[in-house]
Amino acid sequence: MIEEWIEQCRKGQTRAYARVVQAMQPKILGFLYRMTQNRELAEDLGQEAFFRAFRRLENYDSEKSAFSTWLFTIARNLCLDELRKRRPVQIALEEADFQESFREENPHRTAGDCELEQKIMRAVDSLDEEFREIFVLHEYEDLSLKEIAVIIGCPLGTIKSRLHRARLHLQKKLAPVLCL
């Protein structure tokens, strides 16, 4: 469906891009937030990613990758540039509310679930950037390893290795919490 909207945009029906943004915005903002831990920065980077993608639609090649993969690449590059400028990243407590907007509502969630989610989030945040971005793209954004390899520009074997190392790190970090 997104590919159809992109083709409509290329044919001059620029309003179709609003549907692209509406469909992709939660995933892009969720990824950017998980990488930056800053709501305003994630929103700014997301807006810039969608703007750049729109301006460069003529550069998008549907034969090479899906539009979502191309858009995640733009968002990732913007994010990495910003993180390099801003190191170390400071996490604000009120950011937890923003993260909630990216989760599905579950009426059966308990206070213990929320506490566990916070511990998992902190463990994921403690990953080195090269491992965190792969883990987030795969586990939170449901991208395939092949898509991640295209986004990051690394061989598939490297992606698999980094994901494995991220999982080992998280397993070690969360073992006391999960009684492993």
N, C-alpha and C. Protein backbone atom coordinates (compact mmCIF):
# COMPACT_ATOMS: atom_id res chain seq x y z
N MET A 1 0.81 -1.19 0.00
CA MET A 1 0.00 0.00 0.00
C MET A 1 0.87 1.27 0.00
N ILE A 2 1.91 1.27 0.82
CA ILE A 2 2.79 2.44 0.89
C ILE A 2 3.46 2.68 -0.46
N GLU A 3 3.87 1.59 -1.10
CA GLU A 3 4.52 1.73 -2.41
C GLU A 3 3.56 2.38 -3.42
N GLU A 4 2.26 2.06 -3.33
CA GLU A 4 1.28 2.67 -4.23
C GLU A 4 1.17 4.16 -3.97
N TRP A 5 1.16 4.54 -2.70
CA TRP A 5 1.08 5.97 -2.36
C TRP A 5 2.32 6.71 -2.85
N ILE A 6 3.47 6.07 -2.75
CA ILE A 6 4.70 6.70 -3.23
C ILE A 6 4.62 6.92 -4.74
N GLU A 7 4.10 5.94 -5.45
CA GLU A 7 3.94 6.10 -6.90
C GLU A 7 2.97 7.23 -7.22
N GLN A 8 1.91 7.37 -6.42
CA GLN A 8 0.97 8.49 -6.61
C GLN A 8 1.69 9.82 -6.41
N CYS A 9 2.55 9.89 -5.41
CA CYS A 9 3.33 11.11 -5.15
C CYS A 9 4.21 11.44 -6.35
N ARG A 10 4.85 10.43 -6.88
CA ARG A 10 5.74 10.64 -8.02
C ARG A 10 4.98 11.13 -9.25
N LYS A 11 3.68 10.80 -9.30
CA LYS A 11 2.85 11.23 -10.43
C LYS A 11 2.18 12.58 -10.16
N GLY A 12 2.58 13.24 -9.08
CA GLY A 12 2.07 14.57 -8.80
C GLY A 12 0.98 14.65 -7.75
N GLN A 13 0.54 13.54 -7.24
CA GLN A 13 -0.50 13.53 -6.21
C GLN A 13 0.16 13.57 -4.83
N THR A 14 0.70 14.75 -4.50
CA THR A 14 1.51 14.87 -3.29
C THR A 14 0.72 14.64 -2.01
N ARG A 15 -0.59 14.73 -2.05
CA ARG A 15 -1.38 14.47 -0.85
C ARG A 15 -1.28 13.02 -0.39
N ALA A 16 -0.93 12.15 -1.29
CA ALA A 16 -0.76 10.73 -0.92
C ALA A 16 0.37 10.57 0.10
N TYR A 17 1.29 11.53 0.12
CA TYR A 17 2.40 11.45 1.08
C TYR A 17 1.91 11.56 2.52
N ALA A 18 0.82 12.28 2.72
CA ALA A 18 0.24 12.38 4.07
C ALA A 18 -0.15 11.00 4.59
N ARG A 19 -0.62 10.15 3.69
CA ARG A 19 -0.97 8.77 4.08
C ARG A 19 0.28 7.97 4.41
N VAL A 20 1.35 8.22 3.68
CA VAL A 20 2.63 7.56 3.96
C VAL A 20 3.10 7.95 5.36
N VAL A 21 3.07 9.24 5.63
CA VAL A 21 3.51 9.74 6.94
C VAL A 21 2.64 9.13 8.04
N GLN A 22 1.34 9.15 7.84
CA GLN A 22 0.43 8.60 8.85
C GLN A 22 0.70 7.12 9.10
N ALA A 23 1.00 6.38 8.07
CA ALA A 23 1.26 4.94 8.22
C ALA A 23 2.61 4.65 8.85
N MET A 24 3.62 5.44 8.51
CA MET A 24 4.99 5.15 8.95
C MET A 24 5.43 5.90 10.20
N GLN A 25 4.73 6.96 10.55
CA GLN A 25 5.17 7.81 11.65
C GLN A 25 5.34 7.08 12.98
N PRO A 26 4.40 6.23 13.41
CA PRO A 26 4.61 5.56 14.69
C PRO A 26 5.89 4.72 14.74
N LYS A 27 6.18 4.00 13.67
CA LYS A 27 7.39 3.17 13.64
C LYS A 27 8.66 4.02 13.62
N ILE A 28 8.67 5.06 12.80
CA ILE A 28 9.85 5.92 12.71
C ILE A 28 10.08 6.65 14.03
N LEU A 29 9.02 7.24 14.59
CA LEU A 29 9.18 7.95 15.86
C LEU A 29 9.53 6.99 16.99
N GLY A 30 8.96 5.81 16.98
CA GLY A 30 9.30 4.81 17.99
C GLY A 30 10.77 4.44 17.93
N PHE A 31 11.27 4.20 16.74
CA PHE A 31 12.69 3.89 16.56
C PHE A 31 13.56 5.05 17.03
N LEU A 32 13.23 6.25 16.59
CA LEU A 32 14.05 7.41 16.95
C LEU A 32 14.01 7.67 18.45
N TYR A 33 12.85 7.49 19.05
CA TYR A 33 12.77 7.69 20.50
C TYR A 33 13.61 6.65 21.24
N ARG A 34 13.52 5.41 20.82
CA ARG A 34 14.30 4.36 21.49
C ARG A 34 15.80 4.58 21.33
N MET A 35 16.18 5.22 20.25
CA MET A 35 17.60 5.49 20.03
C MET A 35 18.07 6.74 20.79
N THR A 36 17.22 7.76 20.90
CA THR A 36 17.64 9.02 21.51
C THR A 36 17.18 9.18 22.95
N GLN A 37 16.09 8.51 23.32
CA GLN A 37 15.47 8.67 24.64
C GLN A 37 15.08 10.13 24.90
N ASN A 38 14.70 10.83 23.83
CA ASN A 38 14.32 12.23 23.96
C ASN A 38 13.15 12.48 23.01
N ARG A 39 12.01 12.79 23.60
CA ARG A 39 10.78 12.95 22.84
C ARG A 39 10.88 14.04 21.78
N GLU A 40 11.30 15.22 22.18
CA GLU A 40 11.36 16.34 21.25
C GLU A 40 12.37 16.08 20.13
N LEU A 41 13.49 15.52 20.48
CA LEU A 41 14.50 15.21 19.48
C LEU A 41 13.98 14.16 18.50
N ALA A 42 13.31 13.14 19.02
CA ALA A 42 12.74 12.11 18.15
C ALA A 42 11.73 12.71 17.18
N GLU A 43 10.88 13.60 17.68
CA GLU A 43 9.89 14.24 16.82
C GLU A 43 10.56 15.11 15.75
N ASP A 44 11.59 15.87 16.17
CA ASP A 44 12.31 16.72 15.21
C ASP A 44 13.00 15.88 14.14
N LEU A 45 13.68 14.83 14.57
CA LEU A 45 14.37 13.96 13.61
C LEU A 45 13.37 13.26 12.69
N GLY A 46 12.24 12.84 13.25
CA GLY A 46 11.21 12.20 12.44
C GLY A 46 10.68 13.14 11.38
N GLN A 47 10.39 14.37 11.78
CA GLN A 47 9.88 15.35 10.82
C GLN A 47 10.91 15.59 9.71
N GLU A 48 12.16 15.72 10.10
CA GLU A 48 13.22 15.94 9.11
C GLU A 48 13.38 14.73 8.19
N ALA A 49 13.25 13.53 8.74
CA ALA A 49 13.37 12.31 7.91
C ALA A 49 12.26 12.26 6.86
N PHE A 50 11.03 12.55 7.27
CA PHE A 50 9.92 12.54 6.31
C PHE A 50 10.08 13.66 5.27
N PHE A 51 10.57 14.80 5.71
CA PHE A 51 10.78 15.92 4.79
C PHE A 51 11.86 15.57 3.76
N ARG A 52 12.98 15.03 4.23
CA ARG A 52 14.06 14.66 3.31
C ARG A 52 13.61 13.57 2.34
N ALA A 53 12.88 12.60 2.84
CA ALA A 53 12.40 11.54 1.96
C ALA A 53 11.50 12.11 0.88
N PHE A 54 10.62 13.02 1.27
CA PHE A 54 9.72 13.63 0.29
C PHE A 54 10.50 14.41 -0.77
N ARG A 55 11.47 15.21 -0.30
CA ARG A 55 12.27 16.00 -1.24
C ARG A 55 13.08 15.13 -2.19
N ARG A 56 13.43 13.93 -1.74
CA ARG A 56 14.31 13.06 -2.53
C ARG A 56 13.58 11.85 -3.11
N LEU A 57 12.28 11.95 -3.27
CA LEU A 57 11.53 10.81 -3.80
C LEU A 57 12.06 10.32 -5.13
N GLU A 58 12.60 11.23 -5.93
CA GLU A 58 13.13 10.81 -7.24
C GLU A 58 14.36 9.91 -7.08
N ASN A 59 15.00 9.95 -5.92
CA ASN A 59 16.17 9.10 -5.66
C ASN A 59 15.80 7.72 -5.15
N TYR A 60 14.55 7.55 -4.73
CA TYR A 60 14.12 6.25 -4.19
C TYR A 60 13.96 5.25 -5.33
N ASP A 61 14.57 4.08 -5.14
CA ASP A 61 14.51 3.01 -6.14
C ASP A 61 13.81 1.80 -5.52
N SER A 62 12.59 1.56 -5.94
CA SER A 62 11.80 0.45 -5.37
C SER A 62 12.37 -0.91 -5.75
N GLU A 63 13.28 -0.94 -6.72
CA GLU A 63 13.93 -2.20 -7.09
C GLU A 63 14.99 -2.60 -6.07
N LYS A 64 15.57 -1.60 -5.38
CA LYS A 64 16.64 -1.87 -4.42
C LYS A 64 16.11 -2.19 -3.03
N SER A 65 15.04 -1.51 -2.61
CA SER A 65 14.51 -1.73 -1.27
C SER A 65 13.09 -1.20 -1.16
N ALA A 66 12.42 -1.63 -0.11
CA ALA A 66 11.08 -1.10 0.18
C ALA A 66 11.22 0.34 0.63
N PHE A 67 10.17 1.12 0.47
CA PHE A 67 10.21 2.52 0.90
C PHE A 67 10.49 2.61 2.40
N SER A 68 9.89 1.72 3.17
CA SER A 68 10.10 1.75 4.62
C SER A 68 11.58 1.56 4.96
N THR A 69 12.27 0.69 4.25
CA THR A 69 13.69 0.48 4.48
C THR A 69 14.48 1.75 4.15
N TRP A 70 14.14 2.37 3.05
CA TRP A 70 14.80 3.61 2.63
C TRP A 70 14.55 4.71 3.66
N LEU A 71 13.31 4.82 4.14
CA LEU A 71 12.97 5.84 5.13
C LEU A 71 13.68 5.58 6.46
N PHE A 72 13.74 4.33 6.90
CA PHE A 72 14.48 4.00 8.12
C PHE A 72 15.96 4.35 7.97
N THR A 73 16.51 4.18 6.78
CA THR A 73 17.91 4.54 6.54
C THR A 73 18.11 6.05 6.72
N ILE A 74 17.21 6.82 6.17
CA ILE A 74 17.30 8.29 6.32
C ILE A 74 17.18 8.66 7.79
N ALA A 75 16.19 8.09 8.48
CA ALA A 75 15.99 8.39 9.90
C ALA A 75 17.20 7.97 10.73
N ARG A 76 17.74 6.81 10.44
CA ARG A 76 18.92 6.32 11.17
C ARG A 76 20.11 7.25 10.99
N ASN A 77 20.36 7.65 9.76
CA ASN A 77 21.50 8.53 9.50
C ASN A 77 21.35 9.88 10.19
N LEU A 78 20.15 10.43 10.17
CA LEU A 78 19.90 11.68 10.89
C LEU A 78 20.13 11.49 12.38
N CYS A 79 19.64 10.39 12.91
CA CYS A 79 19.77 10.08 14.33
C CYS A 79 21.24 9.94 14.73
N LEU A 80 21.99 9.18 13.96
CA LEU A 80 23.40 8.98 14.29
C LEU A 80 24.18 10.29 14.23
N ASP A 81 23.87 11.12 13.24
CA ASP A 81 24.53 12.42 13.16
C ASP A 81 24.23 13.25 14.41
N GLU A 82 22.99 13.24 14.83
CA GLU A 82 22.59 14.02 16.00
C GLU A 82 23.21 13.45 17.27
N LEU A 83 23.23 12.14 17.40
CA LEU A 83 23.81 11.52 18.60
C LEU A 83 25.30 11.82 18.70
N ARG A 84 25.99 11.86 17.59
CA ARG A 84 27.42 12.20 17.60
C ARG A 84 27.63 13.61 18.13
N LYS A 85 26.71 14.50 17.79
CA LYS A 85 26.81 15.89 18.24
C LYS A 85 26.49 16.03 19.72
N ARG A 86 25.59 15.21 20.21
CA ARG A 86 25.03 15.41 21.55
C ARG A 86 25.58 14.49 22.63
N ARG A 87 26.50 13.64 22.38
CA ARG A 87 26.98 12.69 23.40
C ARG A 87 27.44 13.43 24.62
N PRO A 88 27.21 12.99 25.83
CA PRO A 88 26.33 11.89 26.20
C PRO A 88 24.86 12.32 26.21
N VAL A 89 23.97 11.38 25.90
CA VAL A 89 22.54 11.65 25.88
C VAL A 89 22.01 11.65 27.31
N GLN A 90 21.21 12.64 27.64
CA GLN A 90 20.61 12.72 28.96
C GLN A 90 19.16 12.29 28.83
N ILE A 91 18.71 11.43 29.74
CA ILE A 91 17.35 10.89 29.70
C ILE A 91 16.49 11.62 30.73
N ALA A 92 15.37 12.15 30.27
CA ALA A 92 14.44 12.84 31.16
C ALA A 92 13.36 11.88 31.62
N LEU A 93 12.94 12.03 32.86
CA LEU A 93 11.94 11.12 33.43
C LEU A 93 10.60 11.24 32.72
N GLU A 94 10.22 12.44 32.30
CA GLU A 94 8.91 12.60 31.65
C GLU A 94 8.84 11.91 30.30
N GLU A 95 9.95 11.42 29.79
CA GLU A 95 9.96 10.73 28.51
C GLU A 95 9.17 9.42 28.56
N ALA A 96 8.99 8.86 29.74
CA ALA A 96 8.26 7.60 29.87
C ALA A 96 6.84 7.73 29.33
N ASP A 97 6.22 8.91 29.51
CA ASP A 97 4.87 9.13 29.00
C ASP A 97 4.85 9.05 27.48
N PHE A 98 5.86 9.62 26.84
CA PHE A 98 5.93 9.60 25.39
C PHE A 98 6.07 8.17 24.88
N GLN A 99 6.89 7.39 25.55
CA GLN A 99 7.10 6.01 25.13
C GLN A 99 5.79 5.23 25.20
N GLU A 100 4.96 5.53 26.18
CA GLU A 100 3.68 4.83 26.33
C GLU A 100 2.82 4.97 25.07
N SER A 101 2.94 6.11 24.38
CA SER A 101 2.12 6.32 23.19
C SER A 101 2.48 5.37 22.06
N PHE A 102 3.63 4.70 22.15
CA PHE A 102 4.05 3.76 21.11
C PHE A 102 3.73 2.32 21.48
N ARG A 103 3.14 2.10 22.63
CA ARG A 103 2.79 0.75 23.06
C ARG A 103 1.31 0.51 22.83
N GLU A 104 0.97 -0.71 22.59
CA GLU A 104 -0.43 -1.07 22.48
C GLU A 104 -1.04 -1.06 23.88
N GLU A 105 -2.28 -0.62 23.95
CA GLU A 105 -2.96 -0.61 25.24
C GLU A 105 -3.31 -2.04 25.63
N ASN A 106 -3.06 -2.36 26.89
CA ASN A 106 -3.36 -3.68 27.41
C ASN A 106 -3.99 -3.50 28.78
N PRO A 107 -5.29 -3.75 28.91
CA PRO A 107 -5.97 -3.52 30.18
C PRO A 107 -5.51 -4.47 31.28
N HIS A 108 -4.79 -5.52 30.93
CA HIS A 108 -4.35 -6.51 31.92
C HIS A 108 -2.95 -6.24 32.45
N ARG A 109 -2.35 -5.12 32.04
CA ARG A 109 -1.01 -4.78 32.52
C ARG A 109 -1.07 -4.46 34.01
N THR A 110 -0.06 -4.91 34.72
CA THR A 110 0.02 -4.64 36.15
C THR A 110 1.18 -3.70 36.43
N ALA A 111 1.26 -3.22 37.66
CA ALA A 111 2.37 -2.36 38.04
C ALA A 111 3.70 -3.10 37.87
N GLY A 112 3.69 -4.40 38.14
CA GLY A 112 4.90 -5.21 37.95
C GLY A 112 5.32 -5.27 36.49
N ASP A 113 4.34 -5.32 35.60
CA ASP A 113 4.64 -5.30 34.17
C ASP A 113 5.34 -4.00 33.78
N CYS A 114 4.82 -2.89 34.29
CA CYS A 114 5.41 -1.58 33.99
C CYS A 114 6.83 -1.49 34.53
N GLU A 115 7.04 -2.00 35.73
CA GLU A 115 8.38 -1.98 36.32
C GLU A 115 9.34 -2.83 35.50
N LEU A 116 8.88 -4.01 35.09
CA LEU A 116 9.71 -4.88 34.26
C LEU A 116 10.04 -4.21 32.93
N GLU A 117 9.04 -3.56 32.33
CA GLU A 117 9.28 -2.86 31.06
C GLU A 117 10.32 -1.77 31.23
N GLN A 118 10.28 -1.06 32.34
CA GLN A 118 11.27 -0.01 32.60
C GLN A 118 12.67 -0.61 32.72
N LYS A 119 12.77 -1.75 33.40
CA LYS A 119 14.08 -2.40 33.55
C LYS A 119 14.59 -2.89 32.19
N ILE A 120 13.70 -3.43 31.39
CA ILE A 120 14.10 -3.87 30.06
C ILE A 120 14.53 -2.68 29.22
N MET A 121 13.77 -1.59 29.30
CA MET A 121 14.11 -0.39 28.54
C MET A 121 15.50 0.13 28.94
N ARG A 122 15.79 0.15 30.25
CA ARG A 122 17.10 0.60 30.70
C ARG A 122 18.20 -0.34 30.22
N ALA A 123 17.92 -1.64 30.20
CA ALA A 123 18.91 -2.60 29.72
C ALA A 123 19.17 -2.39 28.23
N VAL A 124 18.12 -2.19 27.46
CA VAL A 124 18.29 -1.93 26.03
C VAL A 124 19.07 -0.63 25.82
N ASP A 125 18.75 0.38 26.62
CA ASP A 125 19.46 1.66 26.52
C ASP A 125 20.94 1.51 26.84
N SER A 126 21.29 0.53 27.65
CA SER A 126 22.69 0.35 28.05
C SER A 126 23.52 -0.31 26.96
N LEU A 127 22.87 -0.84 25.93
CA LEU A 127 23.60 -1.45 24.82
C LEU A 127 24.40 -0.39 24.08
N ASP A 128 25.56 -0.76 23.57
CA ASP A 128 26.30 0.13 22.69
C ASP A 128 25.42 0.44 21.49
N GLU A 129 25.60 1.61 20.91
CA GLU A 129 24.77 2.07 19.82
C GLU A 129 24.66 1.07 18.67
N GLU A 130 25.77 0.46 18.29
CA GLU A 130 25.78 -0.46 17.15
C GLU A 130 24.93 -1.70 17.41
N PHE A 131 24.80 -2.10 18.67
CA PHE A 131 23.98 -3.25 19.03
C PHE A 131 22.52 -2.83 19.27
N ARG A 132 22.36 -1.66 19.91
CA ARG A 132 21.02 -1.18 20.25
C ARG A 132 20.19 -0.94 19.01
N GLU A 133 20.77 -0.29 18.00
CA GLU A 133 19.96 0.02 16.82
C GLU A 133 19.49 -1.24 16.11
N ILE A 134 20.32 -2.26 16.05
CA ILE A 134 19.91 -3.52 15.42
C ILE A 134 18.84 -4.20 16.25
N PHE A 135 19.04 -4.24 17.56
CA PHE A 135 18.05 -4.86 18.45
C PHE A 135 16.70 -4.14 18.33
N VAL A 136 16.72 -2.82 18.37
CA VAL A 136 15.48 -2.04 18.29
C VAL A 136 14.78 -2.25 16.94
N LEU A 137 15.54 -2.19 15.86
CA LEU A 137 14.94 -2.38 14.54
C LEU A 137 14.33 -3.77 14.39
N HIS A 138 14.99 -4.77 14.94
CA HIS A 138 14.50 -6.14 14.80
C HIS A 138 13.37 -6.46 15.77
N GLU A 139 13.58 -6.19 17.04
CA GLU A 139 12.63 -6.61 18.07
C GLU A 139 11.45 -5.66 18.26
N TYR A 140 11.68 -4.37 18.12
CA TYR A 140 10.60 -3.40 18.32
C TYR A 140 9.92 -3.01 17.03
N GLU A 141 10.68 -2.88 15.97
CA GLU A 141 10.12 -2.41 14.70
C GLU A 141 9.82 -3.54 13.73
N ASP A 142 10.12 -4.77 14.11
CA ASP A 142 9.80 -5.98 13.33
C ASP A 142 10.40 -5.98 11.92
N LEU A 143 11.57 -5.40 11.78
CA LEU A 143 12.23 -5.45 10.47
C LEU A 143 13.03 -6.74 10.36
N SER A 144 13.12 -7.24 9.15
CA SER A 144 13.89 -8.46 8.92
C SER A 144 15.38 -8.14 9.00
N LEU A 145 16.18 -9.17 9.19
CA LEU A 145 17.63 -8.97 9.24
C LEU A 145 18.16 -8.43 7.92
N LYS A 146 17.56 -8.86 6.82
CA LYS A 146 17.97 -8.35 5.50
C LYS A 146 17.69 -6.85 5.38
N GLU A 147 16.50 -6.43 5.85
CA GLU A 147 16.16 -5.01 5.80
C GLU A 147 17.13 -4.19 6.67
N ILE A 148 17.45 -4.72 7.83
CA ILE A 148 18.38 -4.03 8.73
C ILE A 148 19.76 -3.91 8.09
N ALA A 149 20.19 -4.96 7.41
CA ALA A 149 21.49 -4.93 6.73
C ALA A 149 21.51 -3.81 5.69
N VAL A 150 20.42 -3.63 4.97
CA VAL A 150 20.34 -2.55 3.97
C VAL A 150 20.35 -1.19 4.67
N ILE A 151 19.56 -1.05 5.72
CA ILE A 151 19.47 0.23 6.44
C ILE A 151 20.82 0.63 7.00
N ILE A 152 21.50 -0.30 7.63
CA ILE A 152 22.75 0.01 8.31
C ILE A 152 23.94 -0.03 7.36
N GLY A 153 23.80 -0.77 6.28
CA GLY A 153 24.89 -0.85 5.31
C GLY A 153 25.98 -1.81 5.74
N CYS A 154 25.59 -2.88 6.40
CA CYS A 154 26.52 -3.92 6.86
C CYS A 154 26.13 -5.26 6.26
N PRO A 155 27.08 -6.18 6.17
CA PRO A 155 26.74 -7.52 5.69
C PRO A 155 25.75 -8.20 6.65
N LEU A 156 24.96 -9.10 6.11
CA LEU A 156 23.96 -9.82 6.90
C LEU A 156 24.61 -10.56 8.07
N GLY A 157 25.77 -11.15 7.86
CA GLY A 157 26.46 -11.86 8.93
C GLY A 157 26.81 -10.95 10.10
N THR A 158 27.19 -9.72 9.80
CA THR A 158 27.50 -8.74 10.85
C THR A 158 26.25 -8.41 11.65
N ILE A 159 25.14 -8.25 10.95
CA ILE A 159 23.86 -7.95 11.62
C ILE A 159 23.48 -9.09 12.55
N LYS A 160 23.60 -10.32 12.07
CA LYS A 160 23.28 -11.49 12.89
C LYS A 160 24.17 -11.55 14.13
N SER A 161 25.44 -11.30 13.93
CA SER A 161 26.39 -11.34 15.04
C SER A 161 26.08 -10.27 16.08
N ARG A 162 25.82 -9.05 15.62
CA ARG A 162 25.52 -7.97 16.55
C ARG A 162 24.21 -8.20 17.30
N LEU A 163 23.22 -8.75 16.61
CA LEU A 163 21.95 -9.05 17.28
C LEU A 163 22.18 -10.12 18.34
N HIS A 164 22.96 -11.13 18.01
CA HIS A 164 23.26 -12.19 18.97
C HIS A 164 23.98 -11.62 20.19
N ARG A 165 24.97 -10.76 19.95
CA ARG A 165 25.71 -10.16 21.06
C ARG A 165 24.81 -9.25 21.90
N ALA A 166 23.90 -8.54 21.26
CA ALA A 166 22.95 -7.69 22.00
C ALA A 166 22.07 -8.55 22.90
N ARG A 167 21.59 -9.66 22.36
CA ARG A 167 20.74 -10.56 23.16
C ARG A 167 21.52 -11.16 24.33
N LEU A 168 22.77 -11.53 24.10
CA LEU A 168 23.59 -12.07 25.19
C LEU A 168 23.80 -11.02 26.29
N HIS A 169 24.07 -9.79 25.87
CA HIS A 169 24.26 -8.71 26.84
C HIS A 169 22.98 -8.50 27.65
N LEU A 170 21.84 -8.47 26.97
CA LEU A 170 20.57 -8.26 27.66
C LEU A 170 20.24 -9.43 28.58
N GLN A 171 20.54 -10.64 28.13
CA GLN A 171 20.30 -11.82 28.97
C GLN A 171 21.11 -11.73 30.25
N LYS A 172 22.36 -11.33 30.11
CA LYS A 172 23.23 -11.20 31.28
C LYS A 172 22.74 -10.08 32.21
N LYS A 173 22.38 -8.96 31.61
CA LYS A 173 21.94 -7.79 32.38
C LYS A 173 20.60 -8.04 33.08
N LEU A 174 19.72 -8.80 32.42
CA LEU A 174 18.37 -9.00 32.95
C LEU A 174 18.22 -10.32 33.75
N ALA A 175 19.24 -11.13 33.78
CA ALA A 175 19.16 -12.42 34.47
C ALA A 175 18.66 -12.28 35.90
N PRO A 176 19.17 -11.35 36.70
CA PRO A 176 18.67 -11.23 38.08
C PRO A 176 17.20 -10.85 38.15
N VAL A 177 16.75 -10.04 37.21
CA VAL A 177 15.37 -9.57 37.19
C VAL A 177 14.42 -10.69 36.75
N LEU A 178 14.86 -11.46 35.76
CA LEU A 178 14.01 -12.50 35.18
C LEU A 178 14.23 -13.87 35.82
N CYS A 179 15.12 -13.92 36.79
CA CYS A 179 15.43 -15.19 37.50
C CYS A 179 15.92 -16.25 36.53
N LEU A 180 16.84 -15.87 35.67
CA LEU A 180 17.40 -16.83 34.67
C LEU A 180 18.59 -17.55 35.25
